[in-house]
PDB file of N, CA and C in Angstrom:
ATOM      1  N   MET A   1       0.847  -1.185   0.000  1.00  0.00           N
ATOM      2  CA  MET A   1       0.000   0.000   0.000  1.00  0.00           C
ATOM      3  C   MET A   1       0.887   1.241   0.000  1.00  0.00           C
ATOM      4  N   THR A   2       0.561   2.212  -0.815  1.00  0.00           N
ATOM      5  CA  THR A   2       1.370   3.431  -0.902  1.00  0.00           C
ATOM      6  C   THR A   2       0.929   4.440   0.149  1.00  0.00           C
ATOM      7  N   ASP A   3       1.901   5.199   0.628  1.00  0.00           N
ATOM      8  CA  ASP A   3       1.584   6.258   1.571  1.00  0.00           C
ATOM      9  C   ASP A   3       0.936   7.412   0.833  1.00  0.00           C
ATOM     10  N   THR A   4       0.054   8.102   1.539  1.00  0.00           N
ATOM     11  CA  THR A   4      -0.585   9.274   0.968  1.00  0.00           C
ATOM     12  C   THR A   4       0.391  10.440   1.079  1.00  0.00           C
ATOM     13  N   PRO A   5       0.697  11.116  -0.042  1.00  0.00           N
ATOM     14  CA  PRO A   5       1.633  12.240   0.020  1.00  0.00           C
ATOM     15  C   PRO A   5       0.986  13.463   0.667  1.00  0.00           C
ATOM     16  N   ALA A   6       1.815  14.390   1.086  1.00  0.00           N
ATOM     17  CA  ALA A   6       1.311  15.658   1.612  1.00  0.00           C
ATOM     18  C   ALA A   6       0.672  16.423   0.456  1.00  0.00           C
ATOM     19  N   PRO A   7      -0.417  17.133   0.716  1.00  0.00           N
ATOM     20  CA  PRO A   7      -1.042  17.923  -0.344  1.00  0.00           C
ATOM     21  C   PRO A   7      -0.058  18.932  -0.936  1.00  0.00           C
ATOM     22  N   ALA A   8      -0.036  19.037  -2.260  1.00  0.00           N
ATOM     23  CA  ALA A   8       0.852  19.963  -2.953  1.00  0.00           C
ATOM     24  C   ALA A   8       0.148  20.492  -4.199  1.00  0.00           C
ATOM     25  N   ILE A   9       0.610  21.616  -4.677  1.00  0.00           N
ATOM     26  CA  ILE A   9       0.030  22.238  -5.862  1.00  0.00           C
ATOM     27  C   ILE A   9       0.142  21.299  -7.065  1.00  0.00           C
ATOM     28  N   ASP A  10      -0.901  21.281  -7.894  1.00  0.00           N
ATOM     29  CA  ASP A  10      -1.011  20.476  -9.117  1.00  0.00           C
ATOM     30  C   ASP A  10      -1.181  18.985  -8.868  1.00  0.00           C
ATOM     31  N   GLN A  11      -1.700  18.614  -7.708  1.00  0.00           N
ATOM     32  CA  GLN A  11      -2.077  17.228  -7.466  1.00  0.00           C
ATOM     33  C   GLN A  11      -3.584  17.086  -7.678  1.00  0.00           C
ATOM     34  N   ILE A  12      -4.006  15.875  -8.077  1.00  0.00           N
ATOM     35  CA  ILE A  12      -5.428  15.561  -8.231  1.00  0.00           C
ATOM     36  C   ILE A  12      -5.830  14.663  -7.055  1.00  0.00           C
ATOM     37  N   TRP A  13      -6.965  15.001  -6.427  1.00  0.00           N
ATOM     38  CA  TRP A  13      -7.498  14.235  -5.304  1.00  0.00           C
ATOM     39  C   TRP A  13      -8.959  13.922  -5.582  1.00  0.00           C
ATOM     40  N   GLN A  14      -9.423  12.745  -5.119  1.00  0.00           N
ATOM     41  CA  GLN A  14     -10.812  12.341  -5.314  1.00  0.00           C
ATOM     42  C   GLN A  14     -11.541  12.345  -3.978  1.00  0.00           C
ATOM     43  N   ASP A  15     -12.749  12.887  -3.975  1.00  0.00           N
ATOM     44  CA  ASP A  15     -13.586  12.952  -2.780  1.00  0.00           C
ATOM     45  C   ASP A  15     -14.057  11.546  -2.423  1.00  0.00           C
ATOM     46  N   ASN A  16     -13.894  11.135  -1.161  1.00  0.00           N
ATOM     47  CA  ASN A  16     -14.333   9.814  -0.716  1.00  0.00           C
ATOM     48  C   ASN A  16     -15.781   9.789  -0.240  1.00  0.00           C
ATOM     49  N   ASP A  17     -16.387  10.940  -0.048  1.00  0.00           N
ATOM     50  CA  ASP A  17     -17.758  11.002   0.442  1.00  0.00           C
ATOM     51  C   ASP A  17     -18.676  10.338  -0.589  1.00  0.00           C
ATOM     52  N   PRO A  18     -19.498   9.356  -0.170  1.00  0.00           N
ATOM     53  CA  PRO A  18     -20.362   8.662  -1.133  1.00  0.00           C
ATOM     54  C   PRO A  18     -21.355   9.593  -1.831  1.00  0.00           C
ATOM     55  N   ARG A  19     -21.692  10.717  -1.220  1.00  0.00           N
ATOM     56  CA  ARG A  19     -22.605  11.675  -1.854  1.00  0.00           C
ATOM     57  C   ARG A  19     -21.928  12.415  -2.997  1.00  0.00           C
ATOM     58  N   SER A  20     -20.603  12.377  -3.055  1.00  0.00           N
ATOM     59  CA  SER A  20     -19.843  13.075  -4.100  1.00  0.00           C
ATOM     60  C   SER A  20     -19.064  12.089  -4.953  1.00  0.00           C
ATOM     61  N   HIS A  21     -19.630  10.930  -5.183  1.00  0.00           N
ATOM     62  CA  HIS A  21     -18.944   9.862  -5.914  1.00  0.00           C
ATOM     63  C   HIS A  21     -18.352  10.363  -7.235  1.00  0.00           C
ATOM     64  N   GLY A  22     -17.066  10.156  -7.409  1.00  0.00           N
ATOM     65  CA  GLY A  22     -16.389  10.516  -8.649  1.00  0.00           C
ATOM     66  C   GLY A  22     -15.868  11.940  -8.722  1.00  0.00           C
ATOM     67  N   ARG A  23     -16.170  12.778  -7.729  1.00  0.00           N
ATOM     68  CA  ARG A  23     -15.733  14.181  -7.757  1.00  0.00           C
ATOM     69  C   ARG A  23     -14.225  14.263  -7.566  1.00  0.00           C
ATOM     70  N   LYS A  24     -13.549  14.935  -8.499  1.00  0.00           N
ATOM     71  CA  LYS A  24     -12.098  15.104  -8.408  1.00  0.00           C
ATOM     72  C   LYS A  24     -11.756  16.582  -8.429  1.00  0.00           C
ATOM     73  N   VAL A  25     -10.725  16.948  -7.658  1.00  0.00           N
ATOM     74  CA  VAL A  25     -10.277  18.338  -7.585  1.00  0.00           C
ATOM     75  C   VAL A  25      -8.769  18.401  -7.788  1.00  0.00           C
ATOM     76  N   ARG A  26      -8.312  19.564  -8.283  1.00  0.00           N
ATOM     77  CA  ARG A  26      -6.875  19.819  -8.452  1.00  0.00           C
ATOM     78  C   ARG A  26      -6.501  20.946  -7.515  1.00  0.00           C
ATOM     79  N   ILE A  27      -5.422  20.764  -6.759  1.00  0.00           N
ATOM     80  CA  ILE A  27      -4.957  21.802  -5.841  1.00  0.00           C
ATOM     81  C   ILE A  27      -4.254  22.889  -6.653  1.00  0.00           C
ATOM     82  N   THR A  28      -4.706  24.146  -6.474  1.00  0.00           N
ATOM     83  CA  THR A  28      -4.119  25.264  -7.211  1.00  0.00           C
ATOM     84  C   THR A  28      -3.295  26.175  -6.306  1.00  0.00           C
ATOM     85  N   GLU A  29      -3.632  26.238  -5.009  1.00  0.00           N
ATOM     86  CA  GLU A  29      -2.901  27.071  -4.048  1.00  0.00           C
ATOM     87  C   GLU A  29      -2.964  26.412  -2.679  1.00  0.00           C
ATOM     88  N   ILE A  30      -1.995  26.735  -1.838  1.00  0.00           N
ATOM     89  CA  ILE A  30      -2.000  26.261  -0.454  1.00  0.00           C
ATOM     90  C   ILE A  30      -1.595  27.421   0.430  1.00  0.00           C
ATOM     91  N   ASP A  31      -2.390  27.637   1.521  1.00  0.00           N
ATOM     92  CA  ASP A  31      -1.963  28.612   2.529  1.00  0.00           C
ATOM     93  C   ASP A  31      -1.702  27.825   3.813  1.00  0.00           C
ATOM     94  N   GLY A  32      -1.651  28.453   4.943  1.00  0.00           N
ATOM     95  CA  GLY A  32      -1.292  27.770   6.184  1.00  0.00           C
ATOM     96  C   GLY A  32      -2.172  26.605   6.578  1.00  0.00           C
ATOM     97  N   THR A  33      -3.494  26.720   6.397  1.00  0.00           N
ATOM     98  CA  THR A  33      -4.410  25.686   6.872  1.00  0.00           C
ATOM     99  C   THR A  33      -5.336  25.124   5.802  1.00  0.00           C
ATOM    100  N   HIS A  34      -5.380  25.748   4.625  1.00  0.00           N
ATOM    101  CA  HIS A  34      -6.323  25.351   3.591  1.00  0.00           C
ATOM    102  C   HIS A  34      -5.651  25.223   2.221  1.00  0.00           C
ATOM    103  N   ALA A  35      -6.308  24.446   1.365  1.00  0.00           N
ATOM    104  CA  ALA A  35      -5.905  24.360  -0.039  1.00  0.00           C
ATOM    105  C   ALA A  35      -7.033  24.964  -0.866  1.00  0.00           C
ATOM    106  N   ILE A  36      -6.672  25.716  -1.869  1.00  0.00           N
ATOM    107  CA  ILE A  36      -7.638  26.207  -2.847  1.00  0.00           C
ATOM    108  C   ILE A  36      -7.632  25.169  -3.964  1.00  0.00           C
ATOM    109  N   VAL A  37      -8.812  24.617  -4.255  1.00  0.00           N
ATOM    110  CA  VAL A  37      -8.906  23.571  -5.262  1.00  0.00           C
ATOM    111  C   VAL A  37      -9.850  23.990  -6.369  1.00  0.00           C
ATOM    112  N   GLU A  38      -9.652  23.384  -7.525  1.00  0.00           N
ATOM    113  CA  GLU A  38     -10.488  23.628  -8.693  1.00  0.00           C
ATOM    114  C   GLU A  38     -11.138  22.310  -9.079  1.00  0.00           C
ATOM    115  N   LEU A  39     -12.435  22.324  -9.285  1.00  0.00           N
ATOM    116  CA  LEU A  39     -13.156  21.122  -9.660  1.00  0.00           C
ATOM    117  C   LEU A  39     -12.707  20.656 -11.044  1.00  0.00           C
ATOM    118  N   VAL A  40     -12.342  19.373 -11.119  1.00  0.00           N
ATOM    119  CA  VAL A  40     -11.876  18.796 -12.380  1.00  0.00           C
ATOM    120  C   VAL A  40     -12.968  17.918 -12.992  1.00  0.00           C
ATOM    121  N   VAL A  41     -13.600  17.082 -12.171  1.00  0.00           N
ATOM    122  CA  VAL A  41     -14.623  16.153 -12.642  1.00  0.00           C
ATOM    123  C   VAL A  41     -15.838  16.278 -11.739  1.00  0.00           C
ATOM    124  N   LEU A  42     -17.026  16.385 -12.349  1.00  0.00           N
ATOM    125  CA  LEU A  42     -18.266  16.435 -11.582  1.00  0.00           C
ATOM    126  C   LEU A  42     -18.473  15.150 -10.810  1.00  0.00           C
ATOM    127  N   ARG A  43     -19.282  15.225  -9.768  1.00  0.00           N
ATOM    128  CA  ARG A  43     -19.502  14.036  -8.956  1.00  0.00           C
ATOM    129  C   ARG A  43     -20.380  13.000  -9.632  1.00  0.00           C
ATOM    130  N   SER A  44     -21.234  13.391 -10.575  1.00  0.00           N
ATOM    131  CA  SER A  44     -22.005  12.419 -11.357  1.00  0.00           C
ATOM    132  C   SER A  44     -22.484  13.086 -12.638  1.00  0.00           C
ATOM    133  N   VAL A  45     -22.836  12.294 -13.610  1.00  0.00           N
ATOM    134  CA  VAL A  45     -23.221  12.813 -14.919  1.00  0.00           C
ATOM    135  C   VAL A  45     -24.473  13.684 -14.817  1.00  0.00           C
ATOM    136  N   GLY A  46     -25.463  13.275 -14.016  1.00  0.00           N
ATOM    137  CA  GLY A  46     -26.710  14.017 -13.935  1.00  0.00           C
ATOM    138  C   GLY A  46     -26.711  15.153 -12.926  1.00  0.00           C
ATOM    139  N   HIS A  47     -25.608  15.412 -12.263  1.00  0.00           N
ATOM    140  CA  HIS A  47     -25.551  16.451 -11.233  1.00  0.00           C
ATOM    141  C   HIS A  47     -25.636  17.836 -11.867  1.00  0.00           C
ATOM    142  N   ARG A  48     -26.474  18.709 -11.301  1.00  0.00           N
ATOM    143  CA  ARG A  48     -26.679  20.042 -11.869  1.00  0.00           C
ATOM    144  C   ARG A  48     -25.986  21.137 -11.077  1.00  0.00           C
ATOM    145  N   GLY A  49     -25.138  20.805 -10.140  1.00  0.00           N
ATOM    146  CA  GLY A  49     -24.495  21.804  -9.296  1.00  0.00           C
ATOM    147  C   GLY A  49     -23.256  22.402  -9.915  1.00  0.00           C
ATOM    148  N   SER A  50     -22.153  22.243  -9.256  1.00  0.00           N
ATOM    149  CA  SER A  50     -20.890  22.855  -9.659  1.00  0.00           C
ATOM    150  C   SER A  50     -20.418  22.381 -11.021  1.00  0.00           C
ATOM    151  N   LYS A  51     -19.720  23.280 -11.709  1.00  0.00           N
ATOM    152  CA  LYS A  51     -19.166  22.966 -13.023  1.00  0.00           C
ATOM    153  C   LYS A  51     -17.647  22.898 -12.922  1.00  0.00           C
ATOM    154  N   PRO A  52     -16.990  22.146 -13.813  1.00  0.00           N
ATOM    155  CA  PRO A  52     -15.528  22.114 -13.801  1.00  0.00           C
ATOM    156  C   PRO A  52     -14.968  23.527 -13.845  1.00  0.00           C
ATOM    157  N   GLY A  53     -13.923  23.751 -13.062  1.00  0.00           N
ATOM    158  CA  GLY A  53     -13.305  25.065 -12.982  1.00  0.00           C
ATOM    159  C   GLY A  53     -13.715  25.833 -11.734  1.00  0.00           C
ATOM    160  N   ARG A  54     -14.793  25.408 -11.069  1.00  0.00           N
ATOM    161  CA  ARG A  54     -15.224  26.073  -9.843  1.00  0.00           C
ATOM    162  C   ARG A  54     -14.152  25.898  -8.775  1.00  0.00           C
ATOM    163  N   ARG A  55     -13.877  26.976  -8.036  1.00  0.00           N
ATOM    164  CA  ARG A  55     -12.833  26.931  -7.002  1.00  0.00           C
ATOM    165  C   ARG A  55     -13.456  26.978  -5.622  1.00  0.00           C
ATOM    166  N   THR A  56     -12.835  26.277  -4.669  1.00  0.00           N
ATOM    167  CA  THR A  56     -13.287  26.268  -3.293  1.00  0.00           C
ATOM    168  C   THR A  56     -12.095  26.004  -2.369  1.00  0.00           C
ATOM    169  N   ARG A  57     -12.296  26.233  -1.059  1.00  0.00           N
ATOM    170  CA  ARG A  57     -11.242  25.994  -0.059  1.00  0.00           C
ATOM    171  C   ARG A  57     -11.553  24.737   0.725  1.00  0.00           C
ATOM    172  N   ILE A  58     -10.518  23.929   0.963  1.00  0.00           N
ATOM    173  CA  ILE A  58     -10.660  22.705   1.751  1.00  0.00           C
ATOM    174  C   ILE A  58      -9.543  22.680   2.778  1.00  0.00           C
ATOM    175  N   ARG A  59      -9.893  22.351   4.028  1.00  0.00           N
ATOM    176  CA  ARG A  59      -8.865  22.234   5.083  1.00  0.00           C
ATOM    177  C   ARG A  59      -7.857  21.155   4.714  1.00  0.00           C
ATOM    178  N   LEU A  60      -6.599  21.430   4.974  1.00  0.00           N
ATOM    179  CA  LEU A  60      -5.535  20.477   4.621  1.00  0.00           C
ATOM    180  C   LEU A  60      -5.681  19.140   5.341  1.00  0.00           C
ATOM    181  N   ASP A  61      -6.238  19.144   6.550  1.00  0.00           N
ATOM    182  CA  ASP A  61      -6.354  17.881   7.286  1.00  0.00           C
ATOM    183  C   ASP A  61      -7.409  16.938   6.693  1.00  0.00           C
ATOM    184  N   ARG A  62      -8.182  17.377   5.698  1.00  0.00           N
ATOM    185  CA  ARG A  62      -9.144  16.505   5.026  1.00  0.00           C
ATOM    186  C   ARG A  62      -8.509  15.711   3.894  1.00  0.00           C
ATOM    187  N   PHE A  63      -7.264  16.020   3.545  1.00  0.00           N
ATOM    188  CA  PHE A  63      -6.575  15.294   2.473  1.00  0.00           C
ATOM    189  C   PHE A  63      -5.930  14.034   3.051  1.00  0.00           C
ATOM    190  N   ARG A  64      -6.818  13.088   3.374  1.00  0.00           N
ATOM    191  CA  ARG A  64      -6.407  11.772   3.869  1.00  0.00           C
ATOM    192  C   ARG A  64      -7.502  10.794   3.486  1.00  0.00           C
ATOM    193  N   PRO A  65      -7.171   9.531   3.297  1.00  0.00           N
ATOM    194  CA  PRO A  65      -8.144   8.563   2.760  1.00  0.00           C
ATOM    195  C   PRO A  65      -9.129   8.029   3.802  1.00  0.00           C
ATOM    196  N   THR A  66      -9.976   8.902   4.357  1.00  0.00           N
ATOM    197  CA  THR A  66     -11.041   8.479   5.262  1.00  0.00           C
ATOM    198  C   THR A  66     -12.370   8.586   4.518  1.00  0.00           C
ATOM    199  N   SER A  67     -13.452   8.174   5.158  1.00  0.00           N
ATOM    200  CA  SER A  67     -14.752   8.197   4.486  1.00  0.00           C
ATOM    201  C   SER A  67     -15.223   9.604   4.156  1.00  0.00           C
ATOM    202  N   THR A  68     -14.742  10.604   4.881  1.00  0.00           N
ATOM    203  CA  THR A  68     -15.139  11.988   4.606  1.00  0.00           C
ATOM    204  C   THR A  68     -13.979  12.828   4.097  1.00  0.00           C
ATOM    205  N   GLY A  69     -12.885  12.175   3.752  1.00  0.00           N
ATOM    206  CA  GLY A  69     -11.712  12.887   3.272  1.00  0.00           C
ATOM    207  C   GLY A  69     -11.524  12.744   1.770  1.00  0.00           C
ATOM    208  N   TYR A  70     -10.286  12.874   1.357  1.00  0.00           N
ATOM    209  CA  TYR A  70      -9.924  12.789  -0.057  1.00  0.00           C
ATOM    210  C   TYR A  70      -8.795  11.791  -0.211  1.00  0.00           C
ATOM    211  N   ARG A  71      -8.767  11.103  -1.351  1.00  0.00           N
ATOM    212  CA  ARG A  71      -7.652  10.179  -1.614  1.00  0.00           C
ATOM    213  C   ARG A  71      -6.852  10.708  -2.795  1.00  0.00           C
ATOM    214  N   TYR A  72      -5.560  10.509  -2.713  1.00  0.00           N
ATOM    215  CA  TYR A  72      -4.636  10.989  -3.751  1.00  0.00           C
ATOM    216  C   TYR A  72      -4.824  10.176  -5.025  1.00  0.00           C
ATOM    217  N   VAL A  73      -4.925  10.873  -6.161  1.00  0.00           N
ATOM    218  CA  VAL A  73      -5.062  10.220  -7.458  1.00  0.00           C
ATOM    219  C   VAL A  73      -3.744  10.282  -8.214  1.00  0.00           C
ATOM    220  N   GLY A  74      -3.127  11.464  -8.288  1.00  0.00           N
ATOM    221  CA  GLY A  74      -1.865  11.605  -9.004  1.00  0.00           C
ATOM    222  C   GLY A  74      -1.588  13.051  -9.340  1.00  0.00           C
ATOM    223  N   PRO A  75      -0.497  13.287 -10.076  1.00  0.00           N
ATOM    224  CA  PRO A  75      -0.191  14.661 -10.498  1.00  0.00           C
ATOM    225  C   PRO A  75      -1.155  15.114 -11.584  1.00  0.00           C
ATOM    226  N   ALA A  76      -1.309  16.420 -11.707  1.00  0.00           N
ATOM    227  CA  ALA A  76      -2.232  16.972 -12.728  1.00  0.00           C
ATOM    228  C   ALA A  76      -1.689  16.758 -14.113  1.00  0.00           C
TER     229      ALA A  76
END
């Protein structure tokens, strides 16, 4: 099993929350406690919410492979 890397700019992470199945984000900025991410893939085909390119902030401690966290996918 591979270790989860520390969050860094230009990494892709996938949301583990079952309500957001398939949602992927790319880290664009990091400050002391949060990452600014850009939506890369919608959570489902029929979802009418956010569109690719939407930016949001996520606490850095959520970038870990738990049921409510994020799992590392790879570099952008």
